[in-house]
Amino acid sequence: MPDPDIDLLVLIVVSSSQSKKLMANLNRQHFYFTTIDSNNSLFVEQSVCLLLGLKHERMDTLKSLVRKYCLPYRKLIPVEMRSMRELSSLPMLESQEGGATLYALPVEFFDQI
């Protein structure tokens, strides 16, 4: 059951591929959250948004879990260019994916219904 003394609303946007490990470990540490799938056309990799309500004293623990399970990683993406006569390959593009974005907003009132 969530703590009644919640004073922060935290949003974590994390890549879908890293979200399962993060969510499992958040549950083990008794962090309660709501999951929102946020698929859009701007990013190749799908993302998930987690909404958490917590006491500000637990923010350091939350940040350390996010840092541990949501490390950015490099990925090579093949790039092709079509010319008039043939299909030629260009070098691979290096992309940084994964990681997480964390937003914290102060909460004046919290009531669980």
N, C-alpha and C. Protein backbone atom coordinates (compact mmCIF):
# COMPACT_ATOMS: atom_id res chain seq x y z
N MET A 1 0.84 -1.18 0.00
CA MET A 1 0.00 0.00 0.00
C MET A 1 0.88 1.25 0.00
N PRO A 2 0.56 2.24 -0.84
CA PRO A 2 1.37 3.44 -0.91
C PRO A 2 1.39 4.21 0.41
N ASP A 3 2.46 4.92 0.62
CA ASP A 3 2.63 5.74 1.82
C ASP A 3 1.69 6.94 1.76
N PRO A 4 0.93 7.23 2.83
CA PRO A 4 0.00 8.37 2.80
C PRO A 4 0.71 9.72 2.83
N ASP A 5 2.00 9.77 3.15
CA ASP A 5 2.73 11.04 3.22
C ASP A 5 3.46 11.36 1.93
N ILE A 6 2.84 11.10 0.80
CA ILE A 6 3.46 11.34 -0.50
C ILE A 6 3.58 12.84 -0.73
N ASP A 7 4.78 13.29 -1.13
CA ASP A 7 4.96 14.71 -1.42
C ASP A 7 5.61 14.96 -2.78
N LEU A 8 5.83 13.89 -3.57
CA LEU A 8 6.37 14.03 -4.93
C LEU A 8 5.61 13.15 -5.91
N LEU A 9 5.36 13.69 -7.09
CA LEU A 9 4.87 12.90 -8.21
C LEU A 9 6.05 12.77 -9.16
N VAL A 10 6.45 11.54 -9.45
CA VAL A 10 7.62 11.28 -10.28
C VAL A 10 7.17 10.59 -11.56
N LEU A 11 7.65 11.10 -12.70
CA LEU A 11 7.43 10.48 -13.99
C LEU A 11 8.77 9.99 -14.51
N ILE A 12 8.82 8.73 -14.91
CA ILE A 12 10.04 8.15 -15.46
C ILE A 12 9.71 7.67 -16.87
N VAL A 13 10.38 8.23 -17.86
CA VAL A 13 10.24 7.77 -19.23
C VAL A 13 11.44 6.89 -19.53
N VAL A 14 11.19 5.63 -19.83
CA VAL A 14 12.25 4.64 -20.00
C VAL A 14 11.98 3.82 -21.25
N SER A 15 13.04 3.34 -21.89
CA SER A 15 12.86 2.52 -23.08
C SER A 15 12.14 1.23 -22.70
N SER A 16 11.31 0.78 -23.60
CA SER A 16 10.51 -0.42 -23.35
C SER A 16 11.40 -1.63 -23.07
N SER A 17 12.55 -1.71 -23.73
CA SER A 17 13.44 -2.85 -23.53
C SER A 17 14.05 -2.90 -22.14
N GLN A 18 14.16 -1.75 -21.47
CA GLN A 18 14.75 -1.70 -20.14
C GLN A 18 13.70 -1.59 -19.04
N SER A 19 12.46 -1.40 -19.42
CA SER A 19 11.42 -1.13 -18.42
C SER A 19 11.09 -2.35 -17.55
N LYS A 20 11.16 -3.56 -18.09
CA LYS A 20 10.75 -4.74 -17.31
C LYS A 20 11.67 -4.97 -16.12
N LYS A 21 12.98 -4.87 -16.33
CA LYS A 21 13.92 -5.03 -15.21
C LYS A 21 13.72 -3.93 -14.18
N LEU A 22 13.54 -2.70 -14.66
CA LEU A 22 13.34 -1.58 -13.74
C LEU A 22 12.08 -1.79 -12.92
N MET A 23 10.97 -2.13 -13.56
CA MET A 23 9.70 -2.31 -12.85
C MET A 23 9.79 -3.44 -11.83
N ALA A 24 10.43 -4.55 -12.19
CA ALA A 24 10.58 -5.67 -11.25
C ALA A 24 11.37 -5.24 -10.02
N ASN A 25 12.42 -4.47 -10.22
CA ASN A 25 13.24 -4.04 -9.09
C ASN A 25 12.59 -2.92 -8.29
N LEU A 26 11.79 -2.09 -8.93
CA LEU A 26 11.01 -1.09 -8.18
C LEU A 26 10.02 -1.80 -7.26
N ASN A 27 9.37 -2.85 -7.76
CA ASN A 27 8.43 -3.62 -6.93
C ASN A 27 9.13 -4.24 -5.73
N ARG A 28 10.33 -4.76 -5.94
CA ARG A 28 11.08 -5.38 -4.83
C ARG A 28 11.41 -4.36 -3.73
N GLN A 29 11.58 -3.10 -4.13
CA GLN A 29 11.90 -2.03 -3.16
C GLN A 29 10.64 -1.31 -2.67
N HIS A 30 9.47 -1.85 -2.97
CA HIS A 30 8.17 -1.31 -2.52
C HIS A 30 7.88 0.08 -3.09
N PHE A 31 8.24 0.29 -4.35
CA PHE A 31 7.80 1.48 -5.07
C PHE A 31 6.56 1.07 -5.86
N TYR A 32 5.51 1.87 -5.75
CA TYR A 32 4.26 1.59 -6.44
C TYR A 32 4.10 2.58 -7.58
N PHE A 33 3.68 2.09 -8.74
CA PHE A 33 3.63 2.96 -9.92
C PHE A 33 2.49 2.54 -10.84
N THR A 34 2.17 3.45 -11.75
CA THR A 34 1.22 3.21 -12.83
C THR A 34 2.01 3.25 -14.13
N THR A 35 1.74 2.33 -15.02
CA THR A 35 2.45 2.24 -16.29
C THR A 35 1.61 2.82 -17.41
N ILE A 36 2.23 3.66 -18.23
CA ILE A 36 1.57 4.21 -19.41
C ILE A 36 2.48 3.91 -20.60
N ASP A 37 1.98 3.14 -21.59
CA ASP A 37 2.75 2.91 -22.81
C ASP A 37 2.72 4.19 -23.62
N SER A 38 3.88 4.64 -24.05
CA SER A 38 3.93 5.88 -24.83
C SER A 38 4.67 5.61 -26.14
N ASN A 39 3.93 5.04 -27.07
CA ASN A 39 4.50 4.76 -28.39
C ASN A 39 4.23 5.95 -29.30
N ASN A 40 5.26 6.38 -30.00
CA ASN A 40 5.08 7.48 -30.94
C ASN A 40 6.00 7.29 -32.12
N SER A 41 5.86 8.13 -33.12
CA SER A 41 6.63 7.95 -34.35
C SER A 41 7.96 8.69 -34.33
N LEU A 42 8.26 9.46 -33.31
CA LEU A 42 9.52 10.19 -33.27
C LEU A 42 10.70 9.29 -32.95
N PHE A 43 10.49 8.24 -32.21
CA PHE A 43 11.57 7.37 -31.78
C PHE A 43 11.35 5.97 -32.32
N VAL A 44 12.44 5.34 -32.76
CA VAL A 44 12.36 3.97 -33.24
C VAL A 44 12.05 3.05 -32.06
N GLU A 45 12.72 3.28 -30.96
CA GLU A 45 12.54 2.45 -29.78
C GLU A 45 11.30 2.91 -29.00
N GLN A 46 10.46 1.96 -28.64
CA GLN A 46 9.27 2.30 -27.87
C GLN A 46 9.65 2.66 -26.45
N SER A 47 8.83 3.48 -25.83
CA SER A 47 9.10 3.89 -24.46
C SER A 47 7.88 3.66 -23.58
N VAL A 48 8.13 3.65 -22.28
CA VAL A 48 7.10 3.47 -21.27
C VAL A 48 7.24 4.60 -20.27
N CYS A 49 6.11 5.12 -19.80
CA CYS A 49 6.13 6.15 -18.77
C CYS A 49 5.59 5.54 -17.48
N LEU A 50 6.36 5.69 -16.40
CA LEU A 50 5.93 5.21 -15.09
C LEU A 50 5.60 6.42 -14.22
N LEU A 51 4.46 6.38 -13.56
CA LEU A 51 4.04 7.44 -12.63
C LEU A 51 4.14 6.89 -11.22
N LEU A 52 4.87 7.61 -10.37
CA LEU A 52 5.05 7.18 -8.98
C LEU A 52 4.72 8.33 -8.05
N GLY A 53 4.14 8.00 -6.92
CA GLY A 53 3.97 8.94 -5.83
C GLY A 53 4.84 8.47 -4.68
N LEU A 54 5.67 9.34 -4.11
CA LEU A 54 6.55 8.92 -3.04
C LEU A 54 6.97 10.09 -2.16
N LYS A 55 7.58 9.73 -1.03
CA LYS A 55 8.18 10.73 -0.13
C LYS A 55 9.51 11.17 -0.73
N HIS A 56 9.85 12.42 -0.54
CA HIS A 56 11.11 12.92 -1.11
C HIS A 56 12.33 12.21 -0.53
N GLU A 57 12.23 11.64 0.68
CA GLU A 57 13.35 10.92 1.29
C GLU A 57 13.76 9.68 0.49
N ARG A 58 12.83 9.14 -0.30
CA ARG A 58 13.12 7.92 -1.08
C ARG A 58 13.63 8.22 -2.49
N MET A 59 13.78 9.50 -2.82
CA MET A 59 14.18 9.89 -4.17
C MET A 59 15.58 9.37 -4.52
N ASP A 60 16.51 9.40 -3.59
CA ASP A 60 17.87 8.91 -3.87
C ASP A 60 17.86 7.41 -4.20
N THR A 61 17.06 6.65 -3.48
CA THR A 61 16.94 5.21 -3.75
C THR A 61 16.36 4.99 -5.14
N LEU A 62 15.34 5.76 -5.49
CA LEU A 62 14.73 5.65 -6.81
C LEU A 62 15.74 5.98 -7.91
N LYS A 63 16.46 7.08 -7.73
CA LYS A 63 17.45 7.47 -8.75
C LYS A 63 18.54 6.41 -8.91
N SER A 64 18.97 5.80 -7.83
CA SER A 64 20.01 4.78 -7.95
C SER A 64 19.49 3.54 -8.69
N LEU A 65 18.22 3.17 -8.49
CA LEU A 65 17.64 2.06 -9.24
C LEU A 65 17.53 2.38 -10.73
N VAL A 66 17.11 3.60 -11.04
CA VAL A 66 16.99 4.01 -12.44
C VAL A 66 18.38 4.01 -13.10
N ARG A 67 19.37 4.53 -12.40
CA ARG A 67 20.74 4.53 -12.96
C ARG A 67 21.26 3.11 -13.17
N LYS A 68 20.93 2.21 -12.27
CA LYS A 68 21.43 0.84 -12.35
C LYS A 68 20.81 0.06 -13.51
N TYR A 69 19.51 0.22 -13.73
CA TYR A 69 18.81 -0.62 -14.70
C TYR A 69 18.48 0.08 -16.02
N CYS A 70 18.81 1.34 -16.16
CA CYS A 70 18.48 2.08 -17.39
C CYS A 70 19.70 2.78 -17.96
N LEU A 71 20.77 2.06 -18.11
CA LEU A 71 21.98 2.65 -18.68
C LEU A 71 21.82 2.84 -20.18
N PRO A 72 22.27 3.97 -20.71
CA PRO A 72 22.27 4.14 -22.16
C PRO A 72 23.25 3.16 -22.80
N TYR A 73 22.96 2.75 -24.01
CA TYR A 73 23.86 1.85 -24.74
C TYR A 73 23.94 2.30 -26.19
N ARG A 74 25.02 1.89 -26.84
CA ARG A 74 25.23 2.25 -28.24
C ARG A 74 24.73 1.13 -29.13
N LYS A 75 24.14 1.54 -30.26
CA LYS A 75 23.59 0.58 -31.21
C LYS A 75 24.01 1.03 -32.61
N LEU A 76 24.38 0.07 -33.45
CA LEU A 76 24.74 0.38 -34.83
C LEU A 76 23.53 0.17 -35.73
N ILE A 77 23.25 1.16 -36.57
CA ILE A 77 22.10 1.11 -37.46
C ILE A 77 22.61 1.17 -38.90
N PRO A 78 22.28 0.18 -39.72
CA PRO A 78 22.75 0.22 -41.11
C PRO A 78 22.02 1.31 -41.90
N VAL A 79 22.79 2.03 -42.70
CA VAL A 79 22.23 3.10 -43.52
C VAL A 79 22.44 2.73 -44.98
N GLU A 80 21.40 2.82 -45.77
CA GLU A 80 21.51 2.53 -47.19
C GLU A 80 21.06 3.73 -47.99
N MET A 81 21.67 3.88 -49.16
CA MET A 81 21.31 4.98 -50.06
C MET A 81 21.11 4.39 -51.44
N ARG A 82 20.03 4.73 -52.06
CA ARG A 82 19.73 4.21 -53.40
C ARG A 82 20.23 5.23 -54.43
N SER A 83 21.11 4.77 -55.30
CA SER A 83 21.58 5.64 -56.38
C SER A 83 20.87 5.24 -57.66
N MET A 84 21.17 5.94 -58.73
CA MET A 84 20.49 5.68 -60.01
C MET A 84 20.77 4.26 -60.51
N ARG A 85 22.00 3.76 -60.33
CA ARG A 85 22.37 2.49 -60.93
C ARG A 85 22.33 1.31 -59.96
N GLU A 86 22.63 1.55 -58.73
CA GLU A 86 22.79 0.43 -57.81
C GLU A 86 22.42 0.82 -56.39
N LEU A 87 22.33 -0.17 -55.56
CA LEU A 87 22.09 0.04 -54.14
C LEU A 87 23.45 0.00 -53.45
N SER A 88 23.86 1.10 -52.88
CA SER A 88 25.16 1.12 -52.22
C SER A 88 24.98 1.34 -50.72
N SER A 89 25.83 0.71 -49.96
CA SER A 89 25.75 0.83 -48.50
C SER A 89 26.68 1.93 -48.01
N LEU A 90 26.21 2.70 -47.09
CA LEU A 90 27.01 3.70 -46.42
C LEU A 90 27.48 3.11 -45.10
N PRO A 91 28.39 3.74 -44.44
CA PRO A 91 28.81 3.22 -43.13
C PRO A 91 27.64 3.14 -42.16
N MET A 92 27.84 2.38 -41.12
CA MET A 92 26.83 2.22 -40.08
C MET A 92 26.73 3.51 -39.28
N LEU A 93 25.54 3.83 -38.87
CA LEU A 93 25.30 4.96 -37.99
C LEU A 93 25.32 4.46 -36.56
N GLU A 94 25.95 5.20 -35.68
CA GLU A 94 25.98 4.82 -34.28
C GLU A 94 24.92 5.62 -33.54
N SER A 95 24.09 4.94 -32.79
CA SER A 95 22.99 5.57 -32.07
C SER A 95 23.11 5.26 -30.59
N GLN A 96 22.77 6.22 -29.76
CA GLN A 96 22.72 5.96 -28.32
C GLN A 96 21.26 5.78 -27.95
N GLU A 97 20.94 4.64 -27.36
CA GLU A 97 19.57 4.33 -26.99
C GLU A 97 19.51 3.95 -25.53
N GLY A 98 18.30 3.70 -25.06
CA GLY A 98 18.11 3.33 -23.67
C GLY A 98 18.19 4.55 -22.77
N GLY A 99 18.46 4.30 -21.52
CA GLY A 99 18.49 5.38 -20.55
C GLY A 99 17.08 5.73 -20.09
N ALA A 100 16.99 6.76 -19.30
CA ALA A 100 15.69 7.18 -18.77
C ALA A 100 15.70 8.67 -18.51
N THR A 101 14.50 9.25 -18.54
CA THR A 101 14.32 10.65 -18.17
C THR A 101 13.40 10.66 -16.96
N LEU A 102 13.80 11.37 -15.93
CA LEU A 102 13.07 11.38 -14.67
C LEU A 102 12.61 12.81 -14.37
N TYR A 103 11.32 12.98 -14.11
CA TYR A 103 10.75 14.27 -13.73
C TYR A 103 10.14 14.12 -12.33
N ALA A 104 10.35 15.10 -11.47
CA ALA A 104 9.75 15.07 -10.13
C ALA A 104 9.02 16.39 -9.89
N LEU A 105 7.78 16.29 -9.46
CA LEU A 105 6.94 17.46 -9.21
C LEU A 105 6.44 17.43 -7.77
N PRO A 106 6.50 18.56 -7.07
CA PRO A 106 5.99 18.58 -5.70
C PRO A 106 4.47 18.39 -5.66
N VAL A 107 4.00 17.69 -4.64
CA VAL A 107 2.57 17.42 -4.47
C VAL A 107 2.11 18.04 -3.17
N GLU A 108 1.06 18.85 -3.24
CA GLU A 108 0.52 19.46 -2.03
C GLU A 108 -0.50 18.57 -1.34
N PHE A 109 -1.20 17.76 -2.13
CA PHE A 109 -2.26 16.93 -1.57
C PHE A 109 -2.30 15.61 -2.32
N PHE A 110 -2.41 14.51 -1.59
CA PHE A 110 -2.53 13.19 -2.19
C PHE A 110 -3.66 12.45 -1.47
N ASP A 111 -4.58 11.87 -2.24
CA ASP A 111 -5.66 11.09 -1.65
C ASP A 111 -5.90 9.88 -2.53
N GLN A 112 -5.77 8.70 -1.96
CA GLN A 112 -6.03 7.47 -2.71
C GLN A 112 -7.46 7.07 -2.53
N ILE A 113 -8.16 6.88 -3.61
CA ILE A 113 -9.58 6.53 -3.58
C ILE A 113 -9.75 5.07 -3.93
